[in-house]
Protein backbone atom coordinates (compact mmCIF):
# COMPACT_ATOMS: atom_id res chain seq x y z
CA MET A 1 102.22 102.58 80.70
CA MET A 2 101.78 100.34 83.71
CA GLN A 3 104.78 98.41 84.95
CA VAL A 4 104.24 95.31 87.09
CA TYR A 5 106.63 92.93 88.83
CA ASN A 6 106.21 89.51 87.26
CA SER A 7 107.02 86.71 89.70
CA LEU A 8 107.66 84.41 86.73
CA SER A 9 110.54 86.51 85.37
CA ARG A 10 111.53 88.02 88.75
CA SER A 11 111.56 91.44 87.10
CA LYS A 12 109.44 94.50 86.49
CA GLU A 13 107.84 94.47 83.05
CA PRO A 14 105.62 96.77 80.97
CA PHE A 15 102.05 95.52 81.22
CA THR A 16 100.63 94.70 77.81
CA PRO A 17 97.31 92.80 77.92
CA LEU A 18 96.44 90.15 75.38
CA ASN A 19 93.30 92.11 74.54
CA PRO A 20 93.99 95.87 74.38
CA GLU A 21 90.60 96.65 75.91
CA THR A 22 89.84 93.96 78.50
CA VAL A 23 92.17 92.46 81.10
CA GLY A 24 91.62 88.92 82.34
CA LEU A 25 92.43 88.76 86.06
CA TYR A 26 92.28 85.70 88.32
CA THR A 27 92.63 86.25 92.05
CA CYS A 28 92.87 83.48 94.61
CA GLY A 29 89.88 83.77 96.92
CA PRO A 30 89.06 82.42 100.37
CA THR A 31 88.91 78.88 101.63
CA VAL A 32 85.53 79.17 103.34
CA TYR A 33 86.10 77.14 106.50
CA ASN A 34 86.25 80.16 108.85
CA PHE A 35 86.11 83.96 108.86
CA ALA A 36 88.89 85.53 106.78
CA HIS A 37 91.65 87.19 108.83
CA ILE A 38 93.47 90.46 108.20
CA GLY A 39 96.36 88.62 106.55
CA ASN A 40 93.91 87.37 103.94
CA PHE A 41 92.58 90.88 103.48
CA ARG A 42 96.07 92.22 102.88
CA ALA A 43 96.01 90.10 99.70
CA TYR A 44 92.42 90.99 98.77
CA THR A 45 93.11 94.71 99.24
CA PHE A 46 96.22 94.45 97.05
CA GLU A 47 94.15 92.72 94.38
CA ASP A 48 91.49 95.44 94.66
CA LEU A 49 94.19 98.08 94.21
CA LEU A 50 95.40 96.29 91.08
CA ARG A 51 91.89 96.07 89.69
CA ARG A 52 91.22 99.76 90.38
CA THR A 53 94.53 100.80 88.81
CA LEU A 54 93.74 98.87 85.66
CA ILE A 55 90.38 100.64 85.45
CA PHE A 56 92.13 103.97 86.21
CA ASN A 57 94.20 103.32 83.08
CA GLY A 58 91.13 102.81 80.94
CA TYR A 59 90.94 99.01 80.83
CA ARG A 60 87.86 96.94 81.34
CA VAL A 61 88.52 94.15 83.83
CA MET A 62 87.15 90.62 83.84
CA GLN A 63 88.02 89.44 87.33
CA VAL A 64 87.43 85.93 88.59
CA MET A 65 87.89 85.09 92.29
CA ASN A 66 87.35 81.51 93.36
CA LEU A 67 85.59 80.28 96.48
CA THR A 68 87.32 77.13 97.75
CA ASP A 69 84.41 75.28 99.31
CA VAL A 70 85.87 71.76 99.15
CA ASP A 71 89.34 70.88 100.44
CA ASP A 72 90.95 69.30 103.50
CA LYS A 73 89.96 72.20 105.78
CA THR A 74 86.33 72.58 104.71
CA ILE A 75 85.71 68.82 104.86
CA ARG A 76 87.26 68.60 108.31
CA GLY A 77 85.19 71.56 109.52
CA ALA A 78 81.94 70.12 108.18
CA ARG A 79 82.59 66.76 109.84
CA GLN A 80 83.41 68.38 113.17
CA ALA A 81 80.24 70.48 112.96
CA GLY A 82 78.17 67.46 111.94
CA VAL A 83 76.55 69.24 108.97
CA PRO A 84 76.67 68.86 105.15
CA LEU A 85 79.54 70.63 103.40
CA LYS A 86 77.34 73.28 101.74
CA THR A 87 75.61 74.05 105.05
CA PHE A 88 78.99 74.47 106.75
CA THR A 89 80.51 76.80 104.13
CA ALA A 90 77.45 78.98 103.41
CA PRO A 91 77.77 81.36 106.42
CA PHE A 92 81.47 81.89 105.78
CA ILE A 93 80.79 82.76 102.14
CA GLN A 94 78.17 85.29 103.25
CA ALA A 95 80.57 86.74 105.84
CA PHE A 96 83.29 87.09 103.18
CA PHE A 97 81.07 89.24 100.98
CA GLU A 98 80.07 91.35 103.97
CA ASP A 99 83.75 91.87 104.79
CA LEU A 100 84.50 92.93 101.21
CA ALA A 101 81.85 95.64 101.53
CA THR A 102 83.27 96.74 104.89
CA LEU A 103 86.67 97.32 103.25
CA ASN A 104 85.25 98.88 100.07
CA ILE A 105 86.73 96.11 97.93
CA GLN A 106 85.10 96.09 94.52
CA ARG A 107 83.24 92.95 93.56
CA ALA A 108 84.74 90.65 90.96
CA GLU A 109 82.70 89.76 87.89
CA VAL A 110 82.58 86.06 88.81
CA TYR A 111 82.91 84.14 92.09
CA PRO A 112 82.95 80.47 91.05
CA ALA A 113 82.56 77.90 93.81
CA ALA A 114 84.63 74.76 93.40
CA THR A 115 81.71 72.42 94.07
CA ASP A 116 79.84 73.91 91.10
CA HIS A 117 82.62 73.15 88.61
CA LEU A 118 83.32 69.42 88.90
CA PRO A 119 82.77 68.78 85.13
CA GLU A 120 85.54 71.23 84.21
CA MET A 121 87.91 69.60 86.71
CA LEU A 122 87.17 66.08 85.49
CA ASP A 123 87.73 67.19 81.90
CA LEU A 124 91.08 68.74 82.79
CA ILE A 125 92.24 65.65 84.66
CA GLY A 126 91.17 63.50 81.71
CA LYS A 127 93.38 65.53 79.34
CA LEU A 128 96.36 65.15 81.65
CA MET A 129 95.79 61.40 81.77
CA GLU A 130 95.63 61.25 77.96
CA ARG A 131 98.93 63.13 77.69
CA GLY A 132 100.71 60.82 80.09
CA LEU A 133 101.14 63.53 82.71
CA ALA A 134 98.91 61.92 85.33
CA TYR A 135 98.38 58.41 86.67
CA ARG A 136 95.94 56.54 88.89
CA SER A 137 97.18 55.10 92.17
CA ASP A 138 95.99 51.94 93.91
CA ASP A 139 93.61 53.84 96.20
CA GLY A 140 91.71 55.41 93.28
CA SER A 141 93.48 58.78 93.48
CA VAL A 142 94.98 60.48 90.44
CA TYR A 143 98.36 62.20 90.69
CA PHE A 144 100.21 64.63 88.45
CA SER A 145 103.57 63.20 87.44
CA VAL A 146 106.10 65.94 88.14
CA SER A 147 108.93 64.01 86.50
CA ALA A 148 106.94 63.86 83.25
CA TRP A 149 106.68 67.66 83.07
CA PRO A 150 110.18 69.15 82.58
CA ALA A 151 108.94 72.73 83.09
CA TYR A 152 107.75 72.00 86.62
CA GLY A 153 109.29 74.42 89.11
CA LYS A 154 109.77 77.41 86.80
CA LEU A 155 107.68 79.77 88.94
CA ALA A 156 109.15 78.74 92.31
CA ARG A 157 112.65 78.17 90.82
CA LEU A 158 112.78 74.66 92.25
CA ASP A 159 115.88 72.50 92.17
CA ARG A 160 114.55 69.47 90.31
CA SER A 161 117.55 67.41 91.34
CA ALA A 162 116.05 67.38 94.85
CA LEU A 163 112.94 65.55 93.62
CA ARG A 164 112.72 62.02 94.94
CA ALA A 165 111.44 59.60 92.33
CA GLY A 166 107.95 58.35 93.17
CA ALA A 167 107.42 60.83 96.04
CA ARG A 168 103.79 61.81 96.46
CA VAL A 169 101.97 64.52 98.39
CA SER A 170 98.32 63.72 99.04
CA HIS A 171 97.33 66.68 101.23
CA ASP A 172 96.36 69.99 99.68
CA GLU A 173 98.96 72.26 101.30
CA TYR A 174 102.61 71.44 101.89
CA GLU A 175 106.08 72.96 102.08
CA LYS A 176 108.50 73.36 99.20
CA GLU A 177 110.84 70.80 100.76
CA SER A 178 108.13 68.16 100.47
CA TYR A 179 107.37 68.51 96.81
CA GLY A 180 106.53 65.53 94.65
CA ASP A 181 103.65 64.19 92.60
CA PHE A 182 100.50 65.95 93.78
CA ALA A 183 96.88 64.82 93.88
CA LEU A 184 94.51 65.89 91.12
CA TRP A 185 91.73 63.60 92.32
CA LYS A 186 91.53 62.05 95.77
CA GLY A 187 89.96 58.64 96.08
CA TRP A 188 87.28 58.54 98.76
CA ASP A 189 88.18 57.48 102.29
CA GLU A 190 86.34 57.65 105.60
CA GLN A 191 87.84 61.07 106.39
CA ASP A 192 85.79 62.55 103.54
CA GLY A 193 82.48 61.41 105.03
CA GLU A 194 79.65 62.20 102.60
CA VAL A 195 81.78 64.49 100.42
CA ALA A 196 82.33 62.59 97.18
CA TRP A 197 81.53 62.63 93.48
CA ASP A 198 81.69 59.98 90.76
CA SER A 199 84.55 60.06 88.26
CA PRO A 200 86.11 57.77 85.63
CA TRP A 201 88.73 56.85 88.26
CA GLY A 202 86.32 56.06 91.05
CA ARG A 203 84.38 57.96 93.66
CA GLY A 204 86.27 60.81 95.32
CA ARG A 205 86.77 64.57 95.24
CA PRO A 206 89.11 67.05 93.55
CA GLY A 207 92.47 68.15 94.91
CA TRP A 208 92.72 71.83 95.78
CA HIS A 209 95.11 72.79 92.98
CA ILE A 210 93.01 71.47 90.09
CA GLU A 211 90.11 73.68 91.15
CA CYS A 212 91.78 76.99 90.27
CA SER A 213 93.25 75.80 86.96
CA ALA A 214 89.87 74.52 85.80
CA MET A 215 87.85 77.55 86.92
CA ALA A 216 90.37 80.09 85.63
CA MET A 217 90.32 78.60 82.15
CA ARG A 218 86.54 78.18 82.25
CA TYR A 219 86.02 81.94 82.56
CA LEU A 220 89.20 83.52 81.20
CA GLY A 221 90.38 81.09 78.52
CA GLU A 222 93.42 78.86 78.23
CA THR A 223 95.76 81.88 78.33
CA PHE A 224 95.01 85.09 80.19
CA ASP A 225 96.75 88.19 81.53
CA LEU A 226 97.11 88.28 85.30
CA HIS A 227 97.05 85.84 88.19
CA THR A 228 97.56 87.09 91.75
CA GLY A 229 97.70 85.88 95.33
CA GLY A 230 99.71 85.93 98.51
CA ILE A 231 103.35 84.90 98.35
CA ASP A 232 102.46 81.75 100.28
CA ASN A 233 100.41 80.63 97.26
CA LEU A 234 103.38 80.78 94.89
CA PHE A 235 104.35 77.25 95.90
CA PRO A 236 102.86 74.76 95.74
CA HIS A 237 99.50 76.12 94.62
CA HIS A 238 100.41 78.39 91.72
CA GLU A 239 103.25 76.15 90.55
CA ASN A 240 100.78 73.29 90.37
CA GLU A 241 98.20 75.42 88.57
CA ILE A 242 100.73 76.13 85.82
CA ALA A 243 101.66 72.46 85.46
CA GLN A 244 98.03 71.37 85.22
CA ALA A 245 96.95 74.05 82.75
CA GLU A 246 99.98 74.07 80.47
CA GLY A 247 100.31 70.29 80.64
CA ALA A 248 96.75 69.94 79.35
CA THR A 249 96.73 72.69 76.72
CA GLY A 250 100.35 73.08 75.63
CA LYS A 251 99.83 76.85 75.82
CA PRO A 252 101.14 79.49 78.23
CA PHE A 253 98.72 79.72 81.16
CA VAL A 254 99.29 83.25 82.52
CA ALA A 255 101.36 86.16 81.23
CA TYR A 256 101.95 87.97 84.54
CA TRP A 257 102.04 86.53 88.05
CA MET A 258 101.85 89.00 90.95
CA HIS A 259 102.24 88.13 94.64
CA CYS A 260 101.92 90.22 97.77
CA ALA A 261 104.14 89.74 100.81
CA HIS A 262 103.02 88.54 104.23
CA LEU A 263 101.28 90.67 106.82
CA ARG A 264 102.82 90.65 110.27
CA VAL A 265 101.20 91.87 113.47
CA ASN A 266 103.38 93.85 115.87
CA GLY A 267 106.40 92.56 114.01
CA GLU A 268 105.52 88.89 114.43
CA LYS A 269 103.84 86.24 112.35
CA MET A 270 100.13 86.21 113.05
CA SER A 271 99.25 83.35 115.38
CA LYS A 272 96.41 82.54 117.75
CA SER A 273 98.94 81.33 120.32
CA LEU A 274 100.59 84.78 120.32
CA GLY A 275 97.26 86.54 120.73
CA ASN A 276 97.81 88.60 117.57
CA PHE A 277 95.39 86.77 115.28
CA PHE A 278 92.59 89.09 114.15
CA THR A 279 89.65 88.77 111.83
CA LEU A 280 88.17 91.91 110.37
CA ARG A 281 85.26 91.51 112.77
CA ASP A 282 87.65 91.49 115.74
CA LEU A 283 88.96 94.91 114.72
CA LEU A 284 85.50 96.33 114.10
CA SER A 285 84.43 95.21 117.57
CA ARG A 286 87.34 97.24 119.00
CA GLY A 287 85.99 100.42 117.44
CA TRP A 288 87.98 100.68 114.22
CA ALA A 289 86.21 101.47 110.96
CA GLY A 290 86.60 99.55 107.72
CA ARG A 291 87.91 102.72 106.12
CA GLU A 292 90.74 102.96 108.64
CA ILE A 293 91.64 99.28 108.29
CA ARG A 294 91.66 99.61 104.49
CA TYR A 295 94.02 102.59 104.74
CA VAL A 296 96.49 100.59 106.84
CA LEU A 297 96.35 97.62 104.46
CA LEU A 298 97.06 99.92 101.51
CA ASN A 299 99.78 101.95 103.21
CA GLY A 300 102.84 100.07 102.00
CA HIS A 301 104.20 98.45 98.89
CA TYR A 302 102.45 95.15 98.21
CA ARG A 303 105.74 93.30 97.67
CA GLN A 304 107.09 94.35 101.07
CA PRO A 305 105.97 92.75 104.35
CA LEU A 306 103.39 94.93 106.10
CA ASN A 307 103.51 95.34 109.87
CA PHE A 308 99.98 95.76 111.22
CA THR A 309 99.73 97.55 114.59
CA PHE A 310 97.10 99.44 116.55
CA GLU A 311 99.41 102.46 116.38
CA ALA A 312 99.11 102.24 112.58
CA LEU A 313 95.32 102.36 112.94
CA ASP A 314 95.67 105.45 115.14
CA ALA A 315 97.85 107.07 112.49
CA ALA A 316 95.34 106.11 109.77
CA ARG A 317 92.57 107.85 111.68
CA VAL A 318 94.66 111.03 111.89
CA SER A 319 95.66 110.90 108.21
CA LEU A 320 92.08 110.38 107.06
CA ALA A 321 90.89 113.26 109.24
CA ARG A 322 93.46 115.49 107.56
CA ILE A 323 92.15 114.47 104.13
CA ASP A 324 88.55 114.98 105.26
CA GLU A 325 89.22 118.49 106.52
CA CYS A 326 90.81 119.46 103.22
CA VAL A 327 87.98 117.96 101.15
CA ASP A 328 85.38 119.66 103.35
CA ALA A 329 87.12 123.01 103.00
CA LEU A 330 87.36 122.60 99.22
CA THR A 331 83.68 121.71 99.08
CA ALA A 332 82.86 124.88 100.95
CA ALA A 333 85.17 126.94 98.75
CA ALA A 334 83.66 125.49 95.57
CA GLY A 335 80.13 126.29 96.71
CA GLY A 336 78.57 124.19 93.97
CA SER A 337 80.53 125.87 91.15
CA ALA A 338 81.33 124.07 87.94
CA PRO A 339 84.98 122.91 87.74
CA ALA A 340 87.50 125.07 85.93
CA ASP A 341 88.79 123.71 82.64
CA ALA A 342 92.35 123.46 83.95
CA LEU A 343 93.86 122.49 87.28
CA PRO A 344 96.26 124.77 89.14
CA ASP A 345 99.86 123.85 88.36
CA TRP A 346 100.45 122.33 91.79
CA ALA A 347 97.38 120.11 91.45
CA ALA A 348 98.38 119.02 87.95
CA SER A 349 101.82 118.07 89.31
CA ALA A 350 100.21 116.00 92.06
CA ARG A 351 98.06 114.21 89.48
CA VAL A 352 101.13 113.31 87.40
CA ALA A 353 103.07 112.12 90.47
CA PHE A 354 100.17 109.97 91.66
CA THR A 355 99.64 108.41 88.22
CA GLU A 356 103.33 107.64 87.77
CA ALA A 357 103.45 106.06 91.24
CA VAL A 358 100.50 103.69 90.88
CA ASN A 359 101.63 102.74 87.38
CA ASP A 360 105.06 101.87 88.76
CA ASP A 361 104.11 98.45 90.12
CA LEU A 362 101.45 99.91 92.44
CA ASN A 363 103.86 102.10 94.41
CA LEU A 364 101.39 103.18 97.08
CA PRO A 365 103.91 104.93 99.37
CA GLU A 366 104.74 107.34 96.54
CA ALA A 367 101.09 107.63 95.51
CA LEU A 368 100.07 108.60 99.04
CA ALA A 369 102.94 111.11 99.17
CA ALA A 370 101.44 112.71 96.04
CA LEU A 371 98.00 112.74 97.67
CA PHE A 372 99.25 114.52 100.78
CA ALA A 373 101.20 116.99 98.66
CA LEU A 374 97.83 117.77 97.06
CA VAL A 375 96.27 118.21 100.51
CA ARG A 376 99.08 120.53 101.62
CA GLU A 377 98.98 122.69 98.49
CA SER A 378 95.18 122.86 98.55
CA ASN A 379 95.23 124.11 102.14
CA THR A 380 97.88 126.69 101.31
CA ALA A 381 95.92 127.97 98.31
CA MET A 382 92.74 128.29 100.37
CA ARG A 383 94.57 130.01 103.23
CA ASP A 384 96.01 132.53 100.77
CA ALA A 385 92.64 132.99 99.01
CA ALA A 386 94.43 131.92 95.82
CA LEU A 387 91.79 129.41 94.71
CA THR A 388 88.64 130.43 92.86
CA PRO A 389 85.40 128.49 93.43
CA GLN A 390 85.87 126.96 89.98
CA GLY A 391 89.45 126.02 90.84
CA ALA A 392 88.33 124.45 94.10
CA ALA A 393 85.74 122.41 92.20
CA ALA A 394 88.42 121.20 89.78
CA VAL A 395 90.68 120.12 92.65
CA LEU A 396 87.74 118.31 94.24
CA ASP A 397 87.25 116.42 90.99
CA LEU A 398 90.91 115.44 91.14
CA PHE A 399 90.47 114.05 94.67
CA ASP A 400 87.58 111.97 93.34
CA ARG A 401 89.71 110.76 90.43
CA LEU A 402 92.50 109.64 92.77
CA ASP A 403 89.94 107.99 95.00
CA THR A 404 88.87 105.66 92.21
CA VAL A 405 92.20 103.95 92.95
CA LEU A 406 92.43 104.43 96.72
CA GLY A 407 88.82 103.94 97.79
CA VAL A 408 89.29 105.76 101.11
CA ILE A 409 88.54 109.45 100.51
CA ARG A 410 84.78 109.32 100.05
CA PHE A 411 84.11 105.88 101.50
CA GLY A 412 82.88 105.67 105.08
CA ARG A 413 82.71 109.42 105.71
CA ALA A 414 80.66 110.41 108.76
CA ASP A 415 79.67 113.65 107.04
CA ARG A 416 79.01 113.41 103.33
CA ASP A 417 80.00 116.45 101.28
CA SER A 418 76.51 116.55 99.80
CA GLU A 419 75.11 117.19 103.28
CA MET A 420 76.54 120.72 103.34
CA PRO A 421 73.56 122.93 102.37
CA PRO A 422 74.11 125.73 99.85
CA GLU A 423 73.49 128.43 102.49
CA VAL A 424 76.28 126.93 104.61
CA ALA A 425 78.71 126.64 101.68
CA GLU A 426 77.99 130.28 100.73
CA ARG A 427 78.80 131.54 104.24
CA VAL A 428 81.98 129.47 104.41
CA ARG A 429 83.19 130.93 101.13
CA ALA A 430 82.24 134.45 102.19
CA ARG A 431 84.08 134.03 105.47
CA ALA A 432 87.23 132.85 103.65
CA GLU A 433 87.07 136.00 101.54
CA ALA A 434 86.53 138.16 104.64
CA ARG A 435 89.57 136.66 106.35
CA ALA A 436 91.68 137.18 103.24
CA ALA A 437 90.61 140.86 103.25
CA LYS A 438 91.32 141.04 107.02
CA ASP A 439 87.70 141.98 107.65
CA TRP A 440 87.64 140.32 111.06
CA SER A 441 84.26 141.70 112.04
CA ALA A 442 82.58 140.10 109.03
CA ALA A 443 84.51 136.85 109.64
CA ASP A 444 83.26 136.71 113.25
CA ARG A 445 79.69 137.43 112.18
CA LEU A 446 79.77 134.66 109.58
CA ARG A 447 81.25 132.26 112.14
CA ASP A 448 78.29 132.96 114.43
CA GLU A 449 75.83 132.47 111.59
CA LEU A 450 77.40 129.11 110.74
CA ALA A 451 77.25 128.08 114.39
CA SER A 452 73.55 128.88 114.46
CA LEU A 453 73.11 126.61 111.44
CA GLY A 454 74.88 123.78 113.26
CA TRP A 455 78.35 124.06 111.68
CA GLU A 456 81.63 124.61 113.49
CA VAL A 457 84.53 126.59 111.99
CA ARG A 458 88.11 126.33 113.22
CA ASP A 459 90.92 128.49 111.85
CA SER A 460 94.35 126.97 111.29
CA LYS A 461 97.48 127.79 109.38
CA GLU A 462 96.09 125.73 106.49
CA GLY A 463 92.86 127.73 106.43
CA GLN A 464 89.31 127.11 107.65
CA LYS A 465 88.30 123.69 108.97
CA VAL A 466 84.55 123.20 108.73
CA LYS A 467 82.51 120.37 110.17
CA ARG A 468 79.01 119.68 111.38
CA ASN A 469 78.45 120.31 115.09
CA GLU A 470 77.39 116.82 116.12
CA THR A 471 76.31 117.92 119.61
CA MET A 472 73.84 120.41 118.15
CA THR A 473 72.71 117.89 115.53
CA ARG A 474 71.96 115.26 118.18
CA SER A 475 70.14 117.73 120.44
CA THR A 476 68.08 118.96 117.50
CA ALA A 477 67.15 115.38 116.64
CA VAL A 478 66.07 114.72 120.23
CA THR A 479 63.95 117.88 120.30
CA ALA A 480 62.32 116.99 116.98
CA SER A 481 61.45 113.51 118.18
């Protein structure tokens, strides 16, 4: 059974979905006023890992990720650019989806944009007004009355005695020390320019917090399983979501809240002034691959701060090469054989260790340790000629099974396993058998034959390392052209 750390209870709990077959998952998406940075993608990669682990455990997932396309930042950006709001946000929405593909982040089922869901927001605000939990101010704004909702602060563990009576916060984002009544609907002023909609309380636009409550309930119902985001969203955003939803419905909003810790760069908070602020595109332009960046973002526990460095990217490249060499050697050893019915004992142990790790609140450090134990034992078995072609095929299937969670083993490979022709795989397997029998003459002959076919073989203590000879491949392509 999966165990997850619930921010609401501050404890690890068994995960039991409301519906035994389908999990409702809401993940806070981007505010589309600029390109997303790697700190954002730390959260999106964590949420992708959660989604994949749920699927790994046999659940169907209904994931909703919002697109915040109207708030203080997007309005300010559109005004500075001198274009309509939709025109301003469109390229950043497109870039976000491109970045998801670059990092092999699975697509959610629904990506609702805030500007497309004004009726749901107005309806929710109306219910809060009816219940005496919201009030209209002189400027036409509508505020949630924190003092009227005794449960306010239960997620962030706020000290309600610190609340100043009548204090209001009109901007979308603010610090815990500033908390007070927050805006559900913002009456129009000149700073909003042409961004405004009609409402029963006057012309204006929604506050940021009401957007997620309304869209989450629109697609997942008044109560659903999981809500995630970065730890910086816990307050005020997620606290306010709970107040809005539960204040309107009288029902629990979310069963499990999960938050990932901050990403730091070279041990410091990411900041443009420090020169350590990177978008995904910045890293790609420096020669790093999405696969390598994804590996770094995964390589830590989501509840612990992650230190992002270029040395970590170097290490990711080395680790992925080690996995690739093992998978390539297994592919050659399998030679297209059907998988054996049972895994070798060492592979079965790795499968159990990996499963227990990811089900223990997404413990990726332990899961990756299990993966590399599988790599090590696979290499040893191939070196000792202790793995049949059918056994190699079964271990390959296990790598693919683990990769449904990790998304880094097959993704972004320069040489796809399917590109190894049968005649190459046959010679690789025959050479492994020759080396095991100490028939060095046959091993040398097969090495030469592989070289003539454009494949390079290196011998190591873990066994044969086989890869395409790119120099020969490029020269052949030039000759053919």
